[in-house]
Amino acid sequence: MKPKSIFISILAVLFVFPLLGTFAQQAANSGSIEVITTFDYPGTGNSSLPQKINERGDVVGEFIDSTGVTRGFVRFSDGSFSDPIVDPNDTVGFTEGRGINNSRTVAGDYATSDGTLHSFFLSGGTFTEYDVPGSVQTNLLSINDAGDFTGGFDPDGSGVFQAFVSVGGTLTSFSVPDAASTFAYEINSSKHLTVGYFIDGSGILHGYFRDANGALHFPIDPSGSVGTVLFGLNDRNWVVGRYADRSGGTHGLFFLPPNNFFTFDYPGSTFTSLNGINDRGFICGRYVDASGIAHGFLARVRGIPPTNAAGPEMKAFNSPSLATPLNPSPSAWGGAIPAR
């Protein structure tokens, strides 16, 4: 599908409800998300999966070609694309672009023939390999303008990932208690929040956020969700992600901590994911068409989203250091790569 500019104003009704269970009365307030343009990485049959957007409007992500090969890319703010990003140590055709900052430093990951994930920074055409010291696998997921970064790592080869944040050169690892795996998808430049998701002992995905004091707030789940992922945030603490419902649909999610949500669906699609948001309220994400091809889009938040909290947070744990998960079974993780 050729890139096309569309101007669709979607009213995204704000659902305000406590995290403890049922919906509260639906708020009269509403926000809006407006689609600006769609895009695809050039090439027939490519699926495009945007991941993050910087303040310049550059988008990083990956595309999957018709043979299943995955390559990273940057879509620059003028609409042009980088060459495919391929880590020099990628031996299996799998390199992802996961994060980008205003200096256009890209953070990403790649796979090797032994099935493990490793990571890199790409700046000015130079790759710098990165693994959390002593880990078997490392999955970089974001980088901010200060050079702080986040992700997940597997310390022992079990496939059970712990989240980490590196702030000012100091690396801190953490896990949601009892989680099978935890991933940190982004820390904002103000360092107030980190967002991501964890997998519980039954293999269900739930969102969480970690505040500046190291307290973890979880689970973050819209009512009816059977799987929630929080992917990105900005310095206003506006958070984006997606959730799946029991009928099989997947919806874009706009989350305002501690517990306010609204939902966005790309018109005509049963799968929408909001993956990155910058301080100006521009969002990158994707939808999937009827043939199963993923297409990227840019959108923007119109107006000021309501900020009234609807109820108490579900849980808050002070967990600034590594917590050993109680269920290290590979079946709990499922062998899948981190959500994208």
Protein backbone atom coordinates (compact mmCIF):
# COMPACT_ATOMS: atom_id res chain seq x y z
CA MET A 1 0.00 0.00 0.00
CA LYS A 2 1.41 3.40 -0.98
CA PRO A 3 1.79 6.04 1.71
CA LYS A 4 -1.29 8.20 1.80
CA SER A 5 -2.36 11.22 3.74
CA ILE A 6 -5.69 10.95 5.42
CA PHE A 7 -7.35 13.24 7.90
CA ILE A 8 -9.68 11.25 10.06
CA SER A 9 -10.86 12.72 13.31
CA ILE A 10 -11.73 9.91 15.65
CA LEU A 11 -13.57 10.63 18.85
CA ALA A 12 -11.94 8.39 21.41
CA VAL A 13 -14.45 8.14 24.24
CA LEU A 14 -12.73 8.23 27.58
CA PHE A 15 -13.52 5.28 29.77
CA VAL A 16 -12.77 6.18 33.36
CA PHE A 17 -12.91 3.29 35.75
CA PRO A 18 -11.26 1.87 38.84
CA LEU A 19 -8.60 -0.76 38.34
CA LEU A 20 -10.23 -2.92 40.97
CA GLY A 21 -12.94 -4.22 38.69
CA THR A 22 -16.06 -2.90 36.99
CA PHE A 23 -16.54 0.30 35.07
CA ALA A 24 -17.39 3.44 36.91
CA GLN A 25 -19.99 5.63 35.23
CA GLN A 26 -18.63 6.73 31.88
CA ALA A 27 -17.29 10.28 32.03
CA ALA A 28 -18.87 12.99 29.94
CA ASN A 29 -15.44 14.24 28.93
CA SER A 30 -13.89 12.97 25.71
CA GLY A 31 -10.59 13.35 23.96
CA SER A 32 -9.75 12.79 20.33
CA ILE A 33 -7.04 11.09 18.32
CA GLU A 34 -6.65 12.24 14.74
CA VAL A 35 -4.91 10.15 12.09
CA ILE A 36 -2.52 12.23 9.98
CA THR A 37 -1.00 9.76 7.53
CA THR A 38 -0.33 6.09 6.92
CA PHE A 39 2.91 4.65 5.62
CA ASP A 40 4.68 1.43 4.64
CA TYR A 41 8.36 0.65 4.35
CA PRO A 42 9.00 0.50 0.57
CA GLY A 43 8.65 -2.93 -1.01
CA THR A 44 5.86 -5.27 -2.01
CA GLY A 45 4.23 -7.16 0.83
CA ASN A 46 6.16 -5.52 3.67
CA SER A 47 4.51 -5.30 7.08
CA SER A 48 5.53 -2.08 8.86
CA LEU A 49 5.74 -1.98 12.67
CA PRO A 50 6.60 1.50 14.04
CA GLN A 51 7.91 1.48 17.62
CA LYS A 52 8.87 4.96 18.88
CA ILE A 53 8.79 8.60 17.75
CA ASN A 54 11.17 11.38 18.78
CA GLU A 55 10.48 15.11 19.14
CA ARG A 56 11.65 15.73 15.56
CA GLY A 57 8.96 13.39 14.24
CA ASP A 58 11.39 10.62 13.25
CA VAL A 59 9.92 7.14 13.70
CA VAL A 60 11.92 3.98 14.37
CA GLY A 61 10.58 0.49 13.86
CA GLU A 62 10.96 -2.67 11.88
CA PHE A 63 9.48 -4.17 8.77
CA ILE A 64 8.87 -7.80 7.93
CA ASP A 65 9.19 -8.76 4.28
CA SER A 66 7.24 -11.43 2.42
CA THR A 67 9.85 -14.08 3.32
CA GLY A 68 9.65 -13.32 7.05
CA VAL A 69 12.97 -11.45 7.28
CA THR A 70 12.84 -8.62 9.83
CA ARG A 71 14.84 -5.41 9.41
CA GLY A 72 14.92 -2.15 11.33
CA PHE A 73 14.17 1.23 9.77
CA VAL A 74 13.86 4.93 10.47
CA ARG A 75 11.13 6.98 8.81
CA PHE A 76 12.43 10.53 8.92
CA SER A 77 10.18 13.51 9.61
CA ASP A 78 10.22 14.47 5.90
CA GLY A 79 8.66 11.12 5.00
CA SER A 80 11.82 9.49 3.63
CA PHE A 81 13.15 6.16 4.88
CA SER A 82 16.57 4.93 5.92
CA ASP A 83 18.16 1.89 4.34
CA PRO A 84 17.25 -1.32 6.16
CA ILE A 85 19.00 -1.52 9.52
CA VAL A 86 20.86 -4.82 9.90
CA ASP A 87 23.12 -5.49 12.86
CA PRO A 88 26.47 -6.91 11.63
CA ASN A 89 26.04 -9.88 13.99
CA ASP A 90 22.51 -10.74 12.81
CA THR A 91 22.90 -14.26 11.40
CA VAL A 92 19.22 -15.22 11.04
CA GLY A 93 17.51 -12.24 9.37
CA PHE A 94 16.13 -10.60 12.49
CA THR A 95 17.03 -7.02 13.45
CA GLU A 96 14.58 -4.63 15.13
CA GLY A 97 14.58 -0.88 15.67
CA ARG A 98 13.06 -0.23 19.09
CA GLY A 99 13.96 3.28 20.26
CA ILE A 100 15.17 6.63 18.92
CA ASN A 101 16.11 9.94 20.51
CA ASN A 102 16.46 13.45 19.11
CA SER A 103 20.07 12.89 18.09
CA ARG A 104 18.78 9.96 16.01
CA THR A 105 20.61 7.37 18.06
CA VAL A 106 18.71 4.12 17.52
CA ALA A 107 18.40 1.35 20.10
CA GLY A 108 17.46 -2.11 18.92
CA ASP A 109 17.99 -5.84 19.08
CA TYR A 110 18.91 -8.75 16.86
CA ALA A 111 18.90 -12.54 16.99
CA THR A 112 21.70 -15.04 16.47
CA SER A 113 21.69 -18.65 15.32
CA ASP A 114 21.51 -20.00 18.88
CA GLY A 115 18.11 -18.30 19.27
CA THR A 116 19.22 -15.62 21.70
CA LEU A 117 18.52 -11.88 21.55
CA HIS A 118 21.26 -9.25 21.80
CA SER A 119 21.17 -5.48 21.41
CA PHE A 120 22.85 -2.49 19.82
CA PHE A 121 23.01 1.27 19.63
CA LEU A 122 23.34 2.80 16.16
CA SER A 123 24.65 6.34 15.84
CA GLY A 124 26.09 8.02 12.77
CA GLY A 125 26.28 4.71 10.94
CA THR A 126 28.26 3.03 13.74
CA PHE A 127 26.92 0.02 15.65
CA THR A 128 27.82 -0.40 19.31
CA GLU A 129 26.89 -3.80 20.70
CA TYR A 130 25.22 -3.92 24.11
CA ASP A 131 24.34 -6.67 26.57
CA VAL A 132 23.54 -6.28 30.25
CA PRO A 133 26.75 -7.49 31.94
CA GLY A 134 26.62 -11.22 32.67
CA SER A 135 23.32 -11.77 30.87
CA VAL A 136 22.52 -14.41 28.28
CA GLN A 137 20.01 -12.25 26.39
CA THR A 138 19.38 -8.50 26.25
CA ASN A 139 16.47 -6.70 24.61
CA LEU A 140 16.93 -2.89 24.33
CA LEU A 141 13.57 -1.14 24.01
CA SER A 142 14.14 2.62 24.26
CA ILE A 143 16.63 5.47 24.57
CA ASN A 144 15.91 9.05 25.63
CA ASP A 145 17.70 12.34 24.93
CA ALA A 146 19.89 12.04 28.03
CA GLY A 147 21.10 8.65 26.83
CA ASP A 148 19.10 6.75 29.45
CA PHE A 149 17.73 3.46 28.16
CA THR A 150 15.46 0.58 29.12
CA GLY A 151 14.73 -3.01 28.21
CA GLY A 152 14.73 -6.56 29.48
CA PHE A 153 17.41 -9.16 30.06
CA ASP A 154 17.59 -12.89 30.65
CA PRO A 155 20.25 -13.49 33.31
CA ASP A 156 20.59 -17.26 33.05
CA GLY A 157 19.23 -18.50 29.73
CA SER A 158 15.89 -19.63 31.17
CA GLY A 159 13.95 -17.27 28.89
CA VAL A 160 12.61 -15.41 31.91
CA PHE A 161 13.32 -11.69 31.44
CA GLN A 162 13.88 -9.05 34.10
CA ALA A 163 13.29 -5.35 33.37
CA PHE A 164 16.07 -2.79 33.61
CA VAL A 165 16.57 0.96 33.41
CA SER A 166 19.92 2.70 32.93
CA VAL A 167 19.85 6.29 34.20
CA GLY A 168 23.02 8.38 34.18
CA GLY A 169 25.06 5.23 33.66
CA THR A 170 23.57 3.41 36.66
CA LEU A 171 21.71 0.23 35.77
CA THR A 172 18.81 -0.90 37.96
CA SER A 173 16.95 -4.15 37.45
CA PHE A 174 13.48 -4.99 38.74
CA SER A 175 10.57 -7.37 38.30
CA VAL A 176 6.89 -7.26 39.11
CA PRO A 177 6.59 -9.70 42.06
CA ASP A 178 5.66 -13.25 40.98
CA ALA A 179 5.87 -12.32 37.28
CA ALA A 180 7.17 -14.82 34.73
CA SER A 181 8.84 -11.95 32.83
CA THR A 182 8.96 -8.15 33.06
CA PHE A 183 9.97 -5.63 30.36
CA ALA A 184 10.68 -1.90 30.64
CA TYR A 185 9.60 -0.28 27.37
CA GLU A 186 10.41 3.38 27.97
CA ILE A 187 11.50 5.92 30.55
CA ASN A 188 10.60 9.52 29.85
CA SER A 189 13.18 12.28 29.75
CA SER A 190 11.84 13.77 32.98
CA LYS A 191 12.56 10.35 34.58
CA HIS A 192 9.24 10.44 36.39
CA LEU A 193 7.85 7.24 34.91
CA THR A 194 8.88 3.98 33.31
CA VAL A 195 6.24 1.89 31.55
CA GLY A 196 6.08 -1.66 30.25
CA TYR A 197 4.36 -4.96 30.73
CA PHE A 198 4.75 -8.20 32.67
CA ILE A 199 3.60 -11.76 32.14
CA ASP A 200 1.81 -13.43 35.02
CA GLY A 201 2.04 -17.09 36.01
CA SER A 202 -0.83 -17.96 33.65
CA GLY A 203 0.88 -16.34 30.66
CA ILE A 204 -1.37 -13.26 30.64
CA LEU A 205 0.15 -9.85 29.78
CA HIS A 206 -0.54 -6.83 32.00
CA GLY A 207 0.72 -3.25 31.94
CA TYR A 208 2.56 -1.55 34.78
CA PHE A 209 4.29 1.73 35.53
CA ARG A 210 7.23 2.44 37.82
CA ASP A 211 7.38 5.86 39.43
CA ALA A 212 10.41 8.02 40.23
CA ASN A 213 10.66 6.46 43.70
CA GLY A 214 10.92 2.94 42.30
CA ALA A 215 7.39 1.91 43.27
CA LEU A 216 5.66 -0.44 40.82
CA HIS A 217 1.98 0.10 40.05
CA PHE A 218 0.18 -2.86 38.52
CA PRO A 219 -1.74 -4.44 36.95
CA ILE A 220 -2.84 -1.85 34.39
CA ASP A 221 -5.72 -3.49 32.54
CA PRO A 222 -8.84 -1.99 30.93
CA SER A 223 -12.00 -3.85 31.89
CA GLY A 224 -12.41 -6.90 29.65
CA SER A 225 -8.75 -7.04 28.67
CA VAL A 226 -7.14 -10.44 28.15
CA GLY A 227 -3.72 -8.90 27.51
CA THR A 228 -2.37 -5.35 27.96
CA VAL A 229 0.95 -3.84 26.86
CA LEU A 230 2.18 -0.31 27.61
CA PHE A 231 4.75 0.67 24.98
CA GLY A 232 5.62 4.36 25.25
CA LEU A 233 5.15 7.65 27.07
CA ASN A 234 6.11 11.31 26.96
CA ASP A 235 7.12 13.95 29.50
CA ARG A 236 3.47 14.77 30.14
CA ASN A 237 3.13 11.19 31.41
CA TRP A 238 0.78 10.36 28.56
CA VAL A 239 1.12 6.62 27.93
CA VAL A 240 0.22 4.58 24.84
CA GLY A 241 -0.16 0.86 24.24
CA ARG A 242 -2.76 -1.70 23.29
CA TYR A 243 -5.02 -4.34 24.78
CA ALA A 244 -6.86 -7.40 23.48
CA ASP A 245 -10.46 -8.21 24.34
CA ARG A 246 -12.28 -11.51 24.72
CA SER A 247 -13.82 -11.30 21.24
CA GLY A 248 -10.40 -11.32 19.58
CA GLY A 249 -10.11 -7.60 18.83
CA THR A 250 -7.02 -5.56 19.70
CA HIS A 251 -7.40 -1.87 20.50
CA GLY A 252 -5.06 1.08 20.78
CA LEU A 253 -4.84 2.35 24.35
CA PHE A 254 -4.22 5.85 25.71
CA PHE A 255 -3.53 5.72 29.45
CA LEU A 256 -3.30 8.55 31.98
CA PRO A 257 -1.78 7.37 35.28
CA PRO A 258 -2.90 6.28 37.71
CA ASN A 259 -6.02 4.73 36.15
CA ASN A 260 -7.68 6.65 33.30
CA PHE A 261 -8.05 5.21 29.82
CA PHE A 262 -9.51 5.75 26.45
CA THR A 263 -9.55 3.48 23.44
CA PHE A 264 -8.66 4.13 19.81
CA ASP A 265 -9.40 1.87 16.84
CA TYR A 266 -8.13 2.51 13.33
CA PRO A 267 -11.24 2.62 11.09
CA GLY A 268 -12.15 -0.77 9.65
CA SER A 269 -9.39 -2.70 11.43
CA THR A 270 -9.72 -5.22 14.24
CA PHE A 271 -6.08 -4.67 15.31
CA THR A 272 -4.69 -1.30 16.36
CA SER A 273 -1.52 -0.66 18.36
CA LEU A 274 -0.25 2.68 19.67
CA ASN A 275 3.49 2.29 20.21
CA GLY A 276 5.14 5.67 20.73
CA ILE A 277 4.20 9.24 21.65
CA ASN A 278 6.24 12.44 21.83
CA ASP A 279 5.79 15.58 23.91
CA ARG A 280 3.78 17.31 21.17
CA GLY A 281 1.23 14.50 21.29
CA PHE A 282 2.22 12.85 18.01
CA ILE A 283 1.73 9.09 18.07
CA CYS A 284 3.18 6.32 15.92
CA GLY A 285 1.41 3.00 15.66
CA ARG A 286 0.04 0.42 13.30
CA TYR A 287 -3.09 -1.30 12.14
CA VAL A 288 -3.57 -4.63 10.40
CA ASP A 289 -5.68 -4.94 7.26
CA ALA A 290 -7.98 -7.80 6.23
CA SER A 291 -5.13 -9.60 4.47
CA GLY A 292 -2.99 -9.60 7.62
CA ILE A 293 -0.53 -6.91 6.49
CA ALA A 294 0.51 -4.33 9.10
CA HIS A 295 0.65 -0.66 8.10
CA GLY A 296 2.19 2.21 10.02
CA PHE A 297 0.38 5.42 10.86
CA LEU A 298 1.00 8.77 12.48
CA ALA A 299 -1.67 10.38 14.63
CA ARG A 300 -1.99 13.24 17.07
CA VAL A 301 -3.84 13.91 20.30
CA ARG A 302 -6.25 16.82 20.01
CA GLY A 303 -7.14 18.83 23.07
CA ILE A 304 -6.10 18.08 26.62
CA PRO A 305 -7.09 14.62 27.85
CA PRO A 306 -9.07 14.53 31.11
CA THR A 307 -6.94 13.81 34.15
CA ASN A 308 -9.47 12.96 36.86
CA ALA A 309 -8.55 9.77 38.70
CA ALA A 310 -11.44 7.35 39.06
CA GLY A 311 -10.27 5.26 41.97
CA PRO A 312 -7.33 3.91 43.97
CA GLU A 313 -4.41 2.17 42.35
CA MET A 314 -4.49 -1.60 42.43
CA LYS A 315 -1.07 -2.14 43.99
CA ALA A 316 2.11 -0.21 44.67
CA PHE A 317 5.30 -2.03 45.62
CA ASN A 318 8.66 -0.49 46.32
CA SER A 319 10.74 -2.86 44.22
CA PRO A 320 13.83 -1.02 42.95
CA SER A 321 16.02 -4.14 42.73
CA LEU A 322 15.90 -7.56 41.17
CA ALA A 323 13.05 -9.79 42.33
CA THR A 324 13.31 -13.48 41.48
CA PRO A 325 10.16 -14.68 39.69
CA LEU A 326 8.36 -17.61 41.27
CA ASN A 327 7.49 -19.24 37.96
CA PRO A 328 10.55 -19.65 35.70
CA SER A 329 8.84 -22.24 33.47
CA PRO A 330 9.45 -21.65 29.74
CA SER A 331 5.75 -22.41 29.17
CA ALA A 332 4.84 -19.31 31.18
CA TRP A 333 6.92 -17.20 28.78
CA GLY A 334 5.80 -19.08 25.70
CA GLY A 335 9.07 -18.63 23.82
CA ALA A 336 7.74 -15.51 22.06
CA ILE A 337 9.83 -12.40 21.44
CA PRO A 338 8.96 -9.31 23.49
CA ALA A 339 5.82 -7.56 22.27
CA ARG A 340 6.20 -5.05 19.45
